[in-house]
């Protein structure tokens, strides 16, 4: 594996974790949103990550910018979990029985995902810095 390839793989990991963190932040921001433009409560979203496979030639043609070993976000998908139903008869969004549909977002789960994303981002940043330091040392040796 060459040095530039190592940097590309780490950079793709940084980009994917940044996108994942943006989805988590959106989930936390909408944890209490009971009505969206579609009419129902906000639905929790997750970033779907996929490794770039470098062994299949047609796949390499479709992903010309991605190098084998990299990772990318293929989609941001809504989860299929049912909304939380809370009995609040005085709420303006309450149904005839007095229940309000809240998003299926659990702040604790989002915080755990945020912690895991932060750790993965830090690992990719450390790998990037290590590859950069090796490249710098290599240039010094070649002088």
Protein backbone atom coordinates (compact mmCIF):
# COMPACT_ATOMS: atom_id res chain seq x y z
CA UNK A 1 0.00 0.00 0.00
CA UNK A 2 1.51 3.32 -1.03
CA UNK A 3 1.55 6.43 1.11
CA UNK A 4 -1.02 8.36 -0.94
CA UNK A 5 -3.38 5.40 -0.80
CA UNK A 6 -3.10 5.40 3.02
CA UNK A 7 -3.95 9.09 3.08
CA UNK A 8 -6.94 8.54 0.76
CA UNK A 9 -8.32 5.74 2.91
CA UNK A 10 -7.98 7.79 6.10
CA UNK A 11 -9.52 10.84 4.42
CA UNK A 12 -12.51 8.79 3.26
CA UNK A 13 -12.97 7.56 6.84
CA UNK A 14 -12.85 11.14 8.13
CA UNK A 15 -15.44 12.22 5.58
CA UNK A 16 -17.74 9.28 6.35
CA UNK A 17 -17.58 9.88 10.11
CA UNK A 18 -18.27 13.60 9.59
CA UNK A 19 -21.39 12.69 7.59
CA UNK A 20 -22.43 10.22 10.28
CA UNK A 21 -22.01 12.92 12.95
CA UNK A 22 -24.20 15.30 10.92
CA UNK A 23 -26.99 12.69 10.86
CA UNK A 24 -26.70 12.18 14.63
CA UNK A 25 -26.86 15.94 15.20
CA UNK A 26 -29.99 16.13 13.03
CA UNK A 27 -31.58 13.34 15.06
CA UNK A 28 -30.84 15.10 18.35
CA UNK A 29 -32.10 18.43 17.01
CA UNK A 30 -35.42 16.84 16.00
CA UNK A 31 -35.90 14.61 19.05
CA UNK A 32 -39.08 16.50 20.00
CA UNK A 33 -40.43 17.33 16.52
CA UNK A 34 -43.97 16.00 16.42
CA UNK A 35 -44.94 17.28 12.96
CA UNK A 36 -42.82 17.38 9.80
CA UNK A 37 -43.62 18.37 6.23
CA UNK A 38 -44.82 14.81 5.58
CA UNK A 39 -47.33 15.15 8.42
CA UNK A 40 -46.03 12.65 10.97
CA UNK A 41 -43.35 12.88 13.63
CA UNK A 42 -39.67 13.06 12.70
CA UNK A 43 -38.17 9.65 11.93
CA UNK A 44 -34.69 8.73 13.15
CA UNK A 45 -32.08 8.54 10.42
CA UNK A 46 -28.88 6.53 10.12
CA UNK A 47 -25.94 6.86 7.76
CA UNK A 48 -25.23 3.66 5.83
CA UNK A 49 -21.48 3.17 5.28
CA UNK A 50 -20.02 0.84 2.66
CA UNK A 51 -16.47 -0.27 1.99
CA UNK A 52 -15.18 0.37 -1.50
CA UNK A 53 -14.44 -2.96 -3.16
CA UNK A 54 -11.47 -2.79 -5.48
CA UNK A 55 -11.67 -6.33 -6.85
CA UNK A 56 -14.53 -5.92 -9.30
CA UNK A 57 -13.69 -3.96 -12.45
CA UNK A 58 -17.20 -2.54 -13.14
CA UNK A 59 -17.41 -1.36 -9.53
CA UNK A 60 -14.10 0.48 -9.97
CA UNK A 61 -15.44 2.22 -13.09
CA UNK A 62 -18.55 3.42 -11.22
CA UNK A 63 -16.51 4.68 -8.26
CA UNK A 64 -13.66 6.29 -10.14
CA UNK A 65 -12.92 8.70 -7.28
CA UNK A 66 -12.82 6.06 -4.54
CA UNK A 67 -9.81 3.87 -3.94
CA UNK A 68 -10.04 0.26 -2.70
CA UNK A 69 -10.04 0.10 1.09
CA UNK A 70 -11.89 3.40 1.41
CA UNK A 71 -15.33 3.86 2.90
CA UNK A 72 -18.22 6.01 1.76
CA UNK A 73 -21.75 6.89 2.79
CA UNK A 74 -24.13 5.18 0.39
CA UNK A 75 -27.36 6.59 1.82
CA UNK A 76 -29.05 8.18 4.78
CA UNK A 77 -31.94 5.90 5.67
CA UNK A 78 -34.89 6.42 7.98
CA UNK A 79 -35.41 3.72 10.58
CA UNK A 80 -38.64 1.74 10.60
CA UNK A 81 -39.18 1.98 14.37
CA UNK A 82 -42.61 3.11 15.47
CA UNK A 83 -42.95 6.57 17.04
CA UNK A 84 -43.19 6.91 20.83
CA UNK A 85 -46.76 7.46 21.98
CA UNK A 86 -47.04 9.67 25.05
CA UNK A 87 -50.30 10.48 26.82
CA UNK A 88 -50.54 14.28 26.88
CA UNK A 89 -54.19 15.30 26.48
CA UNK A 90 -53.38 19.04 26.64
CA UNK A 91 -50.83 18.94 23.80
CA UNK A 92 -51.94 20.62 20.55
CA UNK A 93 -50.87 17.55 18.53
CA UNK A 94 -52.77 15.05 20.71
CA UNK A 95 -55.16 12.65 18.98
CA UNK A 96 -58.71 11.89 20.12
CA UNK A 97 -57.40 9.56 22.86
CA UNK A 98 -54.96 12.20 24.17
CA UNK A 99 -51.79 10.55 22.80
CA UNK A 100 -49.01 12.42 21.00
CA UNK A 101 -46.66 10.69 18.55
CA UNK A 102 -43.07 11.69 19.31
CA UNK A 103 -40.04 10.79 17.17
CA UNK A 104 -38.36 7.41 17.63
CA UNK A 105 -35.17 9.20 18.72
CA UNK A 106 -33.61 8.20 22.03
CA UNK A 107 -31.04 10.78 23.16
CA UNK A 108 -29.02 8.13 25.03
CA UNK A 109 -28.67 6.01 21.87
CA UNK A 110 -27.69 9.07 19.87
CA UNK A 111 -25.04 10.03 22.44
CA UNK A 112 -23.55 6.51 22.35
CA UNK A 113 -23.49 6.66 18.54
CA UNK A 114 -21.89 10.11 18.79
CA UNK A 115 -19.18 8.76 21.09
CA UNK A 116 -18.45 5.84 18.73
CA UNK A 117 -18.34 8.23 15.76
CA UNK A 118 -15.97 10.54 17.60
CA UNK A 119 -13.64 7.64 18.41
CA UNK A 120 -13.68 6.44 14.78
CA UNK A 121 -12.97 9.99 13.57
CA UNK A 122 -10.06 10.28 16.00
CA UNK A 123 -8.66 6.92 14.84
CA UNK A 124 -8.80 8.04 11.20
CA UNK A 125 -7.18 11.37 12.08
CA UNK A 126 -4.38 9.56 13.94
CA UNK A 127 -3.80 7.21 10.99
CA UNK A 128 -3.73 10.21 8.62
CA UNK A 129 -1.20 12.02 10.82
CA UNK A 130 0.97 8.89 11.07
CA UNK A 131 1.01 8.46 7.28
CA UNK A 132 1.82 12.14 6.85
CA UNK A 133 4.68 11.87 9.36
CA UNK A 134 6.04 8.82 7.51
CA UNK A 135 5.92 10.74 4.26
CA UNK A 136 7.77 13.65 5.83
CA UNK A 137 10.47 11.32 7.20
CA UNK A 138 10.78 9.65 3.82
CA UNK A 139 11.37 13.02 2.14
CA UNK A 140 14.00 13.88 4.76
CA UNK A 141 15.79 10.58 4.11
CA UNK A 142 15.79 11.16 0.35
CA UNK A 143 17.56 14.54 0.61
